[in-house]
Every structure is written in structure tokens, then in C-alpha cells.
Amino acid sequence: MKIFNYSPHLLLYLRMLLGPVLLYGFFHQWSGFSYFTILLIATLTDIFDGIIARRLGIVTEWLRRADSIVDTVFFIFMFIVLYLGYPETWQRFSIGLYIIFGLEMFRMVHDHIKFNKQASYHMWSAKLWGLTLLFGFSEVFLTGKGGLFFLISLIMGIVTNLEGIWASLILPEWRHDVKSI
């Protein structure tokens, strides 16, 4: 039963490894379905690491911060694969992508200056963004191009980042698990 106590950490480490696996797959010409499968596994690990940690009562600041960092790193790899493997989609949605990158960078810099660490809010909007990213990237990987689902994921990413920035601006000190502002 003790190994089960480590399962949130193991799911986190698995998701951390899946990002480089995506890039490896790109350089070895894996199919879009392979990318979709990796994305689905990553999404499930993201959902269940938190559920299991809460059920076991082992949610810690470290685990929440690590979860946020691993999410960010995984999606950096996703966006690299999008840029390299789906240049038409990247070009078509570049304005939204660059807005999200700009907002993410602003948040990271601001949070490190104000709190000396990255925010780890796990807001409802971020959970919704994660699901829309699943649908948006699935659309790209399974059809070869981005469309409505990808656009919705970008809009949700902008909304989520704006909410996170607002939270960082109004919170007087660092906190994790801020569900909404």
C-alpha cells in the first residue's frame, strides 16, 4: 500500500517524460494518432495525480508546484511539435499562440518577482483549458490541421492566463490551489 502513496508522484514523472517522447516521435515520423495517444495519457495523468493526492491527503506545496511546472514543460513540447510538424496550423493561429506565450511569460516573470516562485493556482479555468487543449490538439493530430476546437483552446488559454495574471496582481502573498478570483 505504501507504493500507492507515491502514485501521484509517479504519474507526475510519467507526464514529465512524455514531453520529450513527443519530440522523439516527431523526429522519427510517428503518426498523429501516436501524438494523440501520448496527449491522452498525459491528460489522464494530470487529472488523476491530483485526485489521488487529494484522496490520500498528501497534497503538498511541492506537489502542486511540480504539477504546474510539469504541465508547462509538457505543453512546451506540444507546441514545439505543433511548430515543427504542423506549420500551416501554427501559421494560421500564430496570433493566438503568441498572445498565450506572451501572457505566460509575463505571468512567470511577474510571479517570480512578486512571489519568488511560479504561481500554482489550479483554477477552474485552467482545468477547462486543459480539456480544451486535449480537444484542440487532438483535432490537429488526428486531422492534420487546427480548426474550431483548436481555436477554442487558444481562446480558453487567453482567458485562463488573464485570470491567473489578475490573481497574481491582487493576491498579497503566494498561495496554491486558488480555484477562481
N, C-alpha and C. Protein backbone atom coordinates (compact mmCIF):
# COMPACT_ATOMS: atom_id res chain seq x y z
N MET A 1 0.81 -1.19 0.00
CA MET A 1 0.00 0.00 0.00
C MET A 1 0.86 1.26 0.00
N LYS A 2 2.10 1.17 0.50
CA LYS A 2 2.96 2.34 0.53
C LYS A 2 3.28 2.84 -0.87
N ILE A 3 3.43 1.95 -1.82
CA ILE A 3 3.73 2.38 -3.19
C ILE A 3 2.59 3.23 -3.74
N PHE A 4 1.36 2.94 -3.32
CA PHE A 4 0.22 3.72 -3.79
C PHE A 4 0.34 5.18 -3.35
N ASN A 5 0.97 5.41 -2.19
CA ASN A 5 1.18 6.78 -1.72
C ASN A 5 2.09 7.57 -2.65
N TYR A 6 2.88 6.88 -3.45
CA TYR A 6 3.77 7.56 -4.39
C TYR A 6 3.16 7.70 -5.78
N SER A 7 1.97 7.15 -5.97
CA SER A 7 1.39 7.16 -7.32
C SER A 7 1.19 8.57 -7.88
N PRO A 8 0.81 9.59 -7.10
CA PRO A 8 0.73 10.92 -7.71
C PRO A 8 2.08 11.39 -8.24
N HIS A 9 3.14 11.08 -7.50
CA HIS A 9 4.47 11.45 -7.95
C HIS A 9 4.86 10.69 -9.22
N LEU A 10 4.54 9.40 -9.24
CA LEU A 10 4.86 8.59 -10.42
C LEU A 10 4.11 9.08 -11.65
N LEU A 11 2.85 9.45 -11.49
CA LEU A 11 2.08 9.99 -12.61
C LEU A 11 2.67 11.31 -13.09
N LEU A 12 3.13 12.11 -12.15
CA LEU A 12 3.78 13.37 -12.48
C LEU A 12 5.06 13.13 -13.29
N TYR A 13 5.89 12.19 -12.84
CA TYR A 13 7.13 11.88 -13.54
C TYR A 13 6.85 11.30 -14.93
N LEU A 14 5.81 10.48 -15.03
CA LEU A 14 5.44 9.93 -16.34
C LEU A 14 5.10 11.07 -17.30
N ARG A 15 4.28 12.01 -16.84
CA ARG A 15 3.90 13.13 -17.70
C ARG A 15 5.13 13.96 -18.09
N MET A 16 6.07 14.09 -17.17
CA MET A 16 7.29 14.84 -17.46
C MET A 16 8.07 14.16 -18.58
N LEU A 17 8.07 12.85 -18.60
CA LEU A 17 8.80 12.11 -19.64
C LEU A 17 8.08 12.11 -20.98
N LEU A 18 6.77 12.28 -20.97
CA LEU A 18 6.00 12.21 -22.21
C LEU A 18 6.30 13.37 -23.16
N GLY A 19 6.68 14.52 -22.63
CA GLY A 19 7.03 15.65 -23.50
C GLY A 19 8.19 15.33 -24.43
N PRO A 20 9.33 14.90 -23.88
CA PRO A 20 10.43 14.51 -24.76
C PRO A 20 10.08 13.35 -25.69
N VAL A 21 9.20 12.45 -25.24
CA VAL A 21 8.76 11.35 -26.10
C VAL A 21 8.03 11.90 -27.32
N LEU A 22 7.22 12.94 -27.14
CA LEU A 22 6.55 13.59 -28.28
C LEU A 22 7.57 14.08 -29.30
N LEU A 23 8.59 14.76 -28.82
CA LEU A 23 9.60 15.30 -29.73
C LEU A 23 10.38 14.17 -30.41
N TYR A 24 10.69 13.13 -29.67
CA TYR A 24 11.33 11.95 -30.25
C TYR A 24 10.45 11.40 -31.37
N GLY A 25 9.16 11.32 -31.10
CA GLY A 25 8.22 10.81 -32.10
C GLY A 25 8.20 11.66 -33.35
N PHE A 26 8.31 12.97 -33.18
CA PHE A 26 8.35 13.84 -34.35
C PHE A 26 9.56 13.51 -35.22
N PHE A 27 10.73 13.40 -34.60
CA PHE A 27 11.94 13.14 -35.37
C PHE A 27 11.99 11.73 -35.94
N HIS A 28 11.12 10.85 -35.47
CA HIS A 28 11.03 9.50 -36.01
C HIS A 28 9.73 9.28 -36.78
N GLN A 29 9.09 10.38 -37.13
CA GLN A 29 7.92 10.40 -38.02
C GLN A 29 6.78 9.51 -37.53
N TRP A 30 6.47 9.65 -36.24
CA TRP A 30 5.32 8.93 -35.71
C TRP A 30 4.04 9.54 -36.28
N SER A 31 2.99 8.79 -36.22
CA SER A 31 1.70 9.25 -36.74
C SER A 31 1.03 10.23 -35.77
N GLY A 32 0.08 10.98 -36.30
CA GLY A 32 -0.72 11.87 -35.47
C GLY A 32 -1.46 11.10 -34.38
N PHE A 33 -1.86 9.87 -34.69
CA PHE A 33 -2.55 9.05 -33.69
C PHE A 33 -1.62 8.75 -32.51
N SER A 34 -0.33 8.57 -32.79
CA SER A 34 0.64 8.36 -31.70
C SER A 34 0.72 9.59 -30.81
N TYR A 35 0.75 10.78 -31.43
CA TYR A 35 0.76 12.02 -30.64
C TYR A 35 -0.51 12.12 -29.81
N PHE A 36 -1.64 11.81 -30.42
CA PHE A 36 -2.92 11.85 -29.72
C PHE A 36 -2.89 10.93 -28.50
N THR A 37 -2.36 9.73 -28.67
CA THR A 37 -2.30 8.76 -27.57
C THR A 37 -1.45 9.30 -26.43
N ILE A 38 -0.31 9.89 -26.76
CA ILE A 38 0.56 10.48 -25.73
C ILE A 38 -0.15 11.62 -25.02
N LEU A 39 -0.83 12.46 -25.79
CA LEU A 39 -1.57 13.57 -25.20
C LEU A 39 -2.67 13.07 -24.27
N LEU A 40 -3.37 12.03 -24.68
CA LEU A 40 -4.44 11.47 -23.85
C LEU A 40 -3.87 10.91 -22.54
N ILE A 41 -2.77 10.19 -22.63
CA ILE A 41 -2.13 9.66 -21.42
C ILE A 41 -1.69 10.81 -20.51
N ALA A 42 -1.09 11.84 -21.09
CA ALA A 42 -0.65 12.99 -20.29
C ALA A 42 -1.83 13.66 -19.60
N THR A 43 -2.93 13.81 -20.32
CA THR A 43 -4.12 14.44 -19.73
C THR A 43 -4.66 13.60 -18.58
N LEU A 44 -4.72 12.30 -18.78
CA LEU A 44 -5.21 11.41 -17.71
C LEU A 44 -4.30 11.44 -16.49
N THR A 45 -2.98 11.47 -16.70
CA THR A 45 -2.07 11.55 -15.56
C THR A 45 -2.25 12.88 -14.83
N ASP A 46 -2.52 13.94 -15.58
CA ASP A 46 -2.74 15.25 -14.96
C ASP A 46 -4.01 15.25 -14.12
N ILE A 47 -5.03 14.61 -14.60
CA ILE A 47 -6.29 14.54 -13.85
C ILE A 47 -6.13 13.67 -12.60
N PHE A 48 -5.57 12.48 -12.79
CA PHE A 48 -5.57 11.51 -11.69
C PHE A 48 -4.48 11.75 -10.65
N ASP A 49 -3.38 12.43 -10.98
CA ASP A 49 -2.39 12.69 -9.93
C ASP A 49 -3.00 13.56 -8.83
N GLY A 50 -3.78 14.55 -9.22
CA GLY A 50 -4.42 15.41 -8.23
C GLY A 50 -5.52 14.72 -7.45
N ILE A 51 -6.34 13.94 -8.16
CA ILE A 51 -7.43 13.22 -7.49
C ILE A 51 -6.86 12.26 -6.45
N ILE A 52 -5.85 11.50 -6.84
CA ILE A 52 -5.26 10.52 -5.92
C ILE A 52 -4.59 11.22 -4.75
N ALA A 53 -3.86 12.30 -5.02
CA ALA A 53 -3.19 13.02 -3.94
C ALA A 53 -4.20 13.57 -2.93
N ARG A 54 -5.30 14.11 -3.42
CA ARG A 54 -6.33 14.63 -2.51
C ARG A 54 -6.96 13.49 -1.70
N ARG A 55 -7.25 12.38 -2.35
CA ARG A 55 -7.86 11.24 -1.64
C ARG A 55 -6.93 10.68 -0.57
N LEU A 56 -5.62 10.70 -0.86
CA LEU A 56 -4.65 10.18 0.10
C LEU A 56 -4.27 11.23 1.15
N GLY A 57 -4.68 12.46 0.93
CA GLY A 57 -4.33 13.53 1.86
C GLY A 57 -2.87 13.91 1.82
N ILE A 58 -2.25 13.77 0.63
CA ILE A 58 -0.82 14.06 0.52
C ILE A 58 -0.54 15.24 -0.41
N VAL A 59 -1.52 16.12 -0.56
CA VAL A 59 -1.31 17.32 -1.37
C VAL A 59 -0.36 18.24 -0.61
N THR A 60 0.74 18.58 -1.25
CA THR A 60 1.71 19.48 -0.64
C THR A 60 2.00 20.63 -1.59
N GLU A 61 2.61 21.66 -1.05
CA GLU A 61 3.02 22.78 -1.90
C GLU A 61 3.96 22.28 -2.99
N TRP A 62 4.91 21.41 -2.61
CA TRP A 62 5.86 20.90 -3.60
C TRP A 62 5.14 20.18 -4.73
N LEU A 63 4.19 19.33 -4.38
CA LEU A 63 3.48 18.55 -5.40
C LEU A 63 2.68 19.47 -6.33
N ARG A 64 2.03 20.48 -5.79
CA ARG A 64 1.25 21.40 -6.61
C ARG A 64 2.16 22.23 -7.51
N ARG A 65 3.27 22.69 -6.97
CA ARG A 65 4.21 23.46 -7.80
C ARG A 65 4.81 22.57 -8.89
N ALA A 66 5.20 21.36 -8.53
CA ALA A 66 5.76 20.43 -9.51
C ALA A 66 4.75 20.13 -10.60
N ASP A 67 3.49 19.96 -10.23
CA ASP A 67 2.44 19.70 -11.21
C ASP A 67 2.34 20.85 -12.21
N SER A 68 2.38 22.07 -11.72
CA SER A 68 2.30 23.24 -12.61
C SER A 68 3.51 23.31 -13.54
N ILE A 69 4.68 23.05 -13.00
CA ILE A 69 5.90 23.10 -13.81
C ILE A 69 5.88 22.01 -14.88
N VAL A 70 5.50 20.79 -14.49
CA VAL A 70 5.45 19.68 -15.45
C VAL A 70 4.41 19.96 -16.54
N ASP A 71 3.26 20.51 -16.17
CA ASP A 71 2.27 20.89 -17.18
C ASP A 71 2.87 21.85 -18.19
N THR A 72 3.56 22.86 -17.69
CA THR A 72 4.17 23.87 -18.56
C THR A 72 5.20 23.23 -19.49
N VAL A 73 6.06 22.40 -18.94
CA VAL A 73 7.10 21.75 -19.75
C VAL A 73 6.48 20.83 -20.79
N PHE A 74 5.48 20.05 -20.39
CA PHE A 74 4.84 19.14 -21.35
C PHE A 74 4.26 19.93 -22.51
N PHE A 75 3.56 21.03 -22.21
CA PHE A 75 2.93 21.78 -23.29
C PHE A 75 3.93 22.58 -24.11
N ILE A 76 5.09 22.88 -23.57
CA ILE A 76 6.15 23.45 -24.41
C ILE A 76 6.53 22.44 -25.49
N PHE A 77 6.68 21.19 -25.10
CA PHE A 77 6.97 20.15 -26.09
C PHE A 77 5.83 20.00 -27.10
N MET A 78 4.60 20.10 -26.62
CA MET A 78 3.45 20.03 -27.54
C MET A 78 3.52 21.14 -28.58
N PHE A 79 3.82 22.36 -28.11
CA PHE A 79 3.87 23.49 -29.02
C PHE A 79 5.06 23.39 -29.97
N ILE A 80 6.17 22.79 -29.52
CA ILE A 80 7.31 22.56 -30.42
C ILE A 80 6.91 21.60 -31.53
N VAL A 81 6.24 20.51 -31.18
CA VAL A 81 5.78 19.55 -32.19
C VAL A 81 4.78 20.22 -33.13
N LEU A 82 3.91 21.06 -32.60
CA LEU A 82 2.98 21.80 -33.45
C LEU A 82 3.74 22.69 -34.44
N TYR A 83 4.73 23.41 -33.95
CA TYR A 83 5.51 24.31 -34.79
C TYR A 83 6.26 23.55 -35.89
N LEU A 84 6.89 22.45 -35.51
CA LEU A 84 7.70 21.69 -36.46
C LEU A 84 6.86 20.81 -37.39
N GLY A 85 5.83 20.19 -36.84
CA GLY A 85 5.09 19.20 -37.60
C GLY A 85 3.83 19.69 -38.29
N TYR A 86 3.32 20.82 -37.84
CA TYR A 86 2.06 21.34 -38.38
C TYR A 86 2.20 22.84 -38.65
N PRO A 87 3.13 23.21 -39.53
CA PRO A 87 3.42 24.64 -39.74
C PRO A 87 2.22 25.44 -40.26
N GLU A 88 1.32 24.79 -41.01
CA GLU A 88 0.15 25.52 -41.51
C GLU A 88 -0.75 25.94 -40.34
N THR A 89 -0.93 25.03 -39.40
CA THR A 89 -1.75 25.34 -38.22
C THR A 89 -1.06 26.41 -37.38
N TRP A 90 0.25 26.28 -37.22
CA TRP A 90 0.99 27.29 -36.47
C TRP A 90 0.79 28.66 -37.10
N GLN A 91 0.96 28.72 -38.41
CA GLN A 91 0.82 30.00 -39.12
C GLN A 91 -0.60 30.55 -39.00
N ARG A 92 -1.57 29.71 -39.19
CA ARG A 92 -2.97 30.14 -39.16
C ARG A 92 -3.38 30.69 -37.80
N PHE A 93 -2.84 30.12 -36.74
CA PHE A 93 -3.22 30.51 -35.38
C PHE A 93 -2.10 31.23 -34.64
N SER A 94 -1.13 31.76 -35.38
CA SER A 94 0.06 32.33 -34.75
C SER A 94 -0.25 33.49 -33.81
N ILE A 95 -1.21 34.33 -34.15
CA ILE A 95 -1.51 35.47 -33.27
C ILE A 95 -1.96 34.97 -31.90
N GLY A 96 -2.89 34.04 -31.86
CA GLY A 96 -3.35 33.49 -30.59
C GLY A 96 -2.24 32.78 -29.84
N LEU A 97 -1.41 32.03 -30.56
CA LEU A 97 -0.29 31.33 -29.92
C LEU A 97 0.68 32.31 -29.29
N TYR A 98 1.01 33.38 -30.01
CA TYR A 98 1.96 34.36 -29.48
C TYR A 98 1.36 35.15 -28.32
N ILE A 99 0.07 35.40 -28.35
CA ILE A 99 -0.58 36.07 -27.21
C ILE A 99 -0.46 35.18 -25.97
N ILE A 100 -0.73 33.89 -26.13
CA ILE A 100 -0.62 32.98 -24.98
C ILE A 100 0.82 32.93 -24.47
N PHE A 101 1.80 32.83 -25.37
CA PHE A 101 3.20 32.81 -24.94
C PHE A 101 3.55 34.08 -24.19
N GLY A 102 3.10 35.22 -24.71
CA GLY A 102 3.38 36.49 -24.06
C GLY A 102 2.77 36.57 -22.67
N LEU A 103 1.51 36.14 -22.56
CA LEU A 103 0.84 36.15 -21.26
C LEU A 103 1.51 35.19 -20.28
N GLU A 104 1.89 34.01 -20.76
CA GLU A 104 2.58 33.04 -19.91
C GLU A 104 3.92 33.60 -19.41
N MET A 105 4.67 34.22 -20.31
CA MET A 105 5.96 34.79 -19.93
C MET A 105 5.77 35.93 -18.92
N PHE A 106 4.78 36.78 -19.17
CA PHE A 106 4.51 37.86 -18.23
C PHE A 106 4.19 37.29 -16.85
N ARG A 107 3.34 36.27 -16.82
CA ARG A 107 2.97 35.65 -15.54
C ARG A 107 4.19 35.09 -14.83
N MET A 108 5.03 34.38 -15.57
CA MET A 108 6.20 33.76 -14.94
C MET A 108 7.13 34.82 -14.36
N VAL A 109 7.42 35.84 -15.14
CA VAL A 109 8.33 36.90 -14.67
C VAL A 109 7.70 37.63 -13.48
N HIS A 110 6.45 38.02 -13.62
CA HIS A 110 5.78 38.74 -12.53
C HIS A 110 5.74 37.89 -11.26
N ASP A 111 5.36 36.62 -11.39
CA ASP A 111 5.25 35.77 -10.21
C ASP A 111 6.60 35.54 -9.54
N HIS A 112 7.65 35.40 -10.34
CA HIS A 112 8.98 35.22 -9.75
C HIS A 112 9.45 36.49 -9.05
N ILE A 113 9.11 37.64 -9.60
CA ILE A 113 9.48 38.89 -8.94
C ILE A 113 8.66 39.08 -7.66
N LYS A 114 7.36 38.88 -7.74
CA LYS A 114 6.49 39.13 -6.59
C LYS A 114 6.56 38.04 -5.53
N PHE A 115 6.54 36.77 -5.96
CA PHE A 115 6.44 35.65 -5.01
C PHE A 115 7.72 34.83 -4.90
N ASN A 116 8.67 35.07 -5.78
CA ASN A 116 9.91 34.31 -5.83
C ASN A 116 9.69 32.85 -6.24
N LYS A 117 8.55 32.59 -6.89
CA LYS A 117 8.24 31.26 -7.41
C LYS A 117 7.07 31.36 -8.38
N GLN A 118 6.92 30.33 -9.17
CA GLN A 118 5.83 30.28 -10.15
C GLN A 118 4.50 30.07 -9.44
N ALA A 119 3.47 30.74 -9.93
CA ALA A 119 2.12 30.53 -9.39
C ALA A 119 1.68 29.10 -9.67
N SER A 120 0.84 28.61 -8.79
CA SER A 120 0.33 27.24 -8.91
C SER A 120 -1.12 27.24 -8.46
N TYR A 121 -1.94 27.97 -9.20
CA TYR A 121 -3.31 28.21 -8.76
C TYR A 121 -4.25 27.04 -8.98
N HIS A 122 -4.11 26.32 -10.05
CA HIS A 122 -5.01 25.22 -10.39
C HIS A 122 -6.47 25.68 -10.41
N MET A 123 -6.70 26.78 -11.08
CA MET A 123 -8.04 27.37 -11.16
C MET A 123 -8.95 26.52 -12.04
N TRP A 124 -10.25 26.72 -11.86
CA TRP A 124 -11.22 26.01 -12.69
C TRP A 124 -10.99 26.34 -14.16
N SER A 125 -10.65 27.58 -14.45
CA SER A 125 -10.42 27.95 -15.85
C SER A 125 -9.24 27.18 -16.43
N ALA A 126 -8.22 26.92 -15.61
CA ALA A 126 -7.06 26.16 -16.08
C ALA A 126 -7.43 24.70 -16.36
N LYS A 127 -8.30 24.16 -15.52
CA LYS A 127 -8.76 22.78 -15.76
C LYS A 127 -9.56 22.71 -17.07
N LEU A 128 -10.40 23.71 -17.29
CA LEU A 128 -11.16 23.77 -18.54
C LEU A 128 -10.22 23.96 -19.72
N TRP A 129 -9.19 24.78 -19.54
CA TRP A 129 -8.21 24.98 -20.62
C TRP A 129 -7.53 23.65 -20.94
N GLY A 130 -7.18 22.88 -19.91
CA GLY A 130 -6.56 21.58 -20.14
C GLY A 130 -7.42 20.67 -21.00
N LEU A 131 -8.72 20.67 -20.73
CA LEU A 131 -9.62 19.85 -21.54
C LEU A 131 -9.74 20.38 -22.96
N THR A 132 -9.80 21.71 -23.11
CA THR A 132 -9.89 22.26 -24.47
C THR A 132 -8.58 22.03 -25.23
N LEU A 133 -7.46 22.02 -24.51
CA LEU A 133 -6.19 21.68 -25.17
C LEU A 133 -6.22 20.24 -25.67
N LEU A 134 -6.79 19.34 -24.87
CA LEU A 134 -6.92 17.95 -25.31
C LEU A 134 -7.71 17.89 -26.61
N PHE A 135 -8.85 18.56 -26.66
CA PHE A 135 -9.67 18.53 -27.88
C PHE A 135 -9.00 19.28 -29.03
N GLY A 136 -8.39 20.42 -28.74
CA GLY A 136 -7.76 21.21 -29.79
C GLY A 136 -6.57 20.50 -30.42
N PHE A 137 -5.68 19.98 -29.59
CA PHE A 137 -4.52 19.27 -30.14
C PHE A 137 -4.93 17.94 -30.75
N SER A 138 -5.95 17.30 -30.21
CA SER A 138 -6.45 16.06 -30.83
C SER A 138 -6.93 16.35 -32.24
N GLU A 139 -7.63 17.46 -32.41
CA GLU A 139 -8.08 17.85 -33.74
C GLU A 139 -6.90 18.00 -34.69
N VAL A 140 -5.85 18.66 -34.23
CA VAL A 140 -4.66 18.85 -35.07
C VAL A 140 -4.01 17.51 -35.37
N PHE A 141 -3.78 16.71 -34.35
CA PHE A 141 -3.05 15.46 -34.54
C PHE A 141 -3.83 14.44 -35.36
N LEU A 142 -5.14 14.42 -35.22
CA LEU A 142 -5.94 13.40 -35.91
C LEU A 142 -6.39 13.83 -37.30
N THR A 143 -6.47 15.14 -37.55
CA THR A 143 -6.90 15.60 -38.89
C THR A 143 -5.78 16.27 -39.67
N GLY A 144 -4.70 16.61 -38.98
CA GLY A 144 -3.59 17.27 -39.64
C GLY A 144 -3.70 18.78 -39.69
N LYS A 145 -4.77 19.33 -39.12
CA LYS A 145 -4.91 20.79 -39.12
C LYS A 145 -5.78 21.24 -37.96
N GLY A 146 -5.58 22.47 -37.56
CA GLY A 146 -6.38 23.05 -36.49
C GLY A 146 -7.64 23.68 -37.04
N GLY A 147 -8.70 23.61 -36.27
CA GLY A 147 -9.97 24.22 -36.66
C GLY A 147 -10.64 24.82 -35.44
N LEU A 148 -11.93 24.60 -35.33
CA LEU A 148 -12.72 25.20 -34.27
C LEU A 148 -12.25 24.78 -32.88
N PHE A 149 -11.97 23.50 -32.68
CA PHE A 149 -11.55 23.05 -31.35
C PHE A 149 -10.21 23.67 -30.95
N PHE A 150 -9.31 23.79 -31.92
CA PHE A 150 -8.02 24.40 -31.61
C PHE A 150 -8.21 25.88 -31.28
N LEU A 151 -9.06 26.55 -32.04
CA LEU A 151 -9.36 27.96 -31.77
C LEU A 151 -9.95 28.13 -30.37
N ILE A 152 -10.88 27.27 -29.99
CA ILE A 152 -11.47 27.35 -28.66
C ILE A 152 -10.40 27.17 -27.58
N SER A 153 -9.46 26.25 -27.82
CA SER A 153 -8.40 26.04 -26.83
C SER A 153 -7.52 27.29 -26.69
N LEU A 154 -7.29 27.99 -27.79
CA LEU A 154 -6.50 29.22 -27.71
C LEU A 154 -7.25 30.31 -26.95
N ILE A 155 -8.52 30.46 -27.24
CA ILE A 155 -9.34 31.45 -26.53
C ILE A 155 -9.36 31.14 -25.04
N MET A 156 -9.54 29.87 -24.70
CA MET A 156 -9.56 29.47 -23.29
C MET A 156 -8.19 29.71 -22.65
N GLY A 157 -7.11 29.52 -23.39
CA GLY A 157 -5.77 29.79 -22.88
C GLY A 157 -5.57 31.26 -22.55
N ILE A 158 -6.10 32.12 -23.39
CA ILE A 158 -6.00 33.56 -23.13
C ILE A 158 -6.81 33.92 -21.89
N VAL A 159 -8.03 33.42 -21.79
CA VAL A 159 -8.89 33.69 -20.63
C VAL A 159 -8.22 33.19 -19.35
N THR A 160 -7.70 31.98 -19.38
CA THR A 160 -7.05 31.39 -18.21
C THR A 160 -5.86 32.21 -17.77
N ASN A 161 -5.04 32.62 -18.73
CA ASN A 161 -3.86 33.41 -18.38
C ASN A 161 -4.23 34.78 -17.83
N LEU A 162 -5.26 35.39 -18.38
CA LEU A 162 -5.70 36.68 -17.85
C LEU A 162 -6.22 36.53 -16.42
N GLU A 163 -6.95 35.45 -16.14
CA GLU A 163 -7.41 35.22 -14.78
C GLU A 163 -6.23 34.98 -13.84
N GLY A 164 -5.24 34.22 -14.30
CA GLY A 164 -4.05 33.97 -13.48
C GLY A 164 -3.27 35.24 -13.20
N ILE A 165 -3.14 36.10 -14.21
CA ILE A 165 -2.45 37.37 -14.01
C ILE A 165 -3.20 38.22 -13.00
N TRP A 166 -4.51 38.28 -13.15
CA TRP A 166 -5.33 39.06 -12.22
C TRP A 166 -5.15 38.54 -10.79
N ALA A 167 -5.17 37.22 -10.63
CA ALA A 167 -4.98 36.64 -9.29
C ALA A 167 -3.61 37.02 -8.73
N SER A 168 -2.58 36.94 -9.56
CA SER A 168 -1.24 37.29 -9.09
C SER A 168 -1.13 38.76 -8.72
N LEU A 169 -1.85 39.59 -9.43
CA LEU A 169 -1.81 41.02 -9.12
C LEU A 169 -2.52 41.35 -7.81
N ILE A 170 -3.60 40.64 -7.50
CA ILE A 170 -4.38 41.01 -6.31
C ILE A 170 -4.01 40.21 -5.05
N LEU A 171 -3.40 39.05 -5.21
CA LEU A 171 -3.02 38.27 -4.02
C LEU A 171 -1.81 38.91 -3.35
N PRO A 172 -1.87 39.12 -2.04
CA PRO A 172 -0.74 39.75 -1.35
C PRO A 172 0.44 38.80 -1.13
N GLU A 173 0.17 37.49 -1.12
CA GLU A 173 1.24 36.51 -0.92
C GLU A 173 0.93 35.26 -1.74
N TRP A 174 1.97 34.43 -1.96
CA TRP A 174 1.83 33.23 -2.79
C TRP A 174 0.90 32.24 -2.10
N ARG A 175 0.03 31.66 -2.90
CA ARG A 175 -0.86 30.59 -2.44
C ARG A 175 -1.04 29.60 -3.58
N HIS A 176 -1.25 28.35 -3.22
CA HIS A 176 -1.59 27.37 -4.25
C HIS A 176 -3.06 27.02 -4.10
N ASP A 177 -3.60 26.43 -5.15
CA ASP A 177 -5.00 25.98 -5.18
C ASP A 177 -6.00 27.12 -4.96
N VAL A 178 -5.84 28.17 -5.74
CA VAL A 178 -6.81 29.26 -5.77
C VAL A 178 -7.76 28.92 -6.92
N LYS A 179 -8.97 28.53 -6.61
CA LYS A 179 -9.88 27.99 -7.63
C LYS A 179 -10.41 29.03 -8.60
N SER A 180 -10.57 30.26 -8.16
CA SER A 180 -11.08 31.32 -9.03
C SER A 180 -10.87 32.65 -8.34
N ILE A 181 -10.98 33.72 -9.11
CA ILE A 181 -10.84 35.04 -8.48
C ILE A 181 -12.18 35.67 -8.19
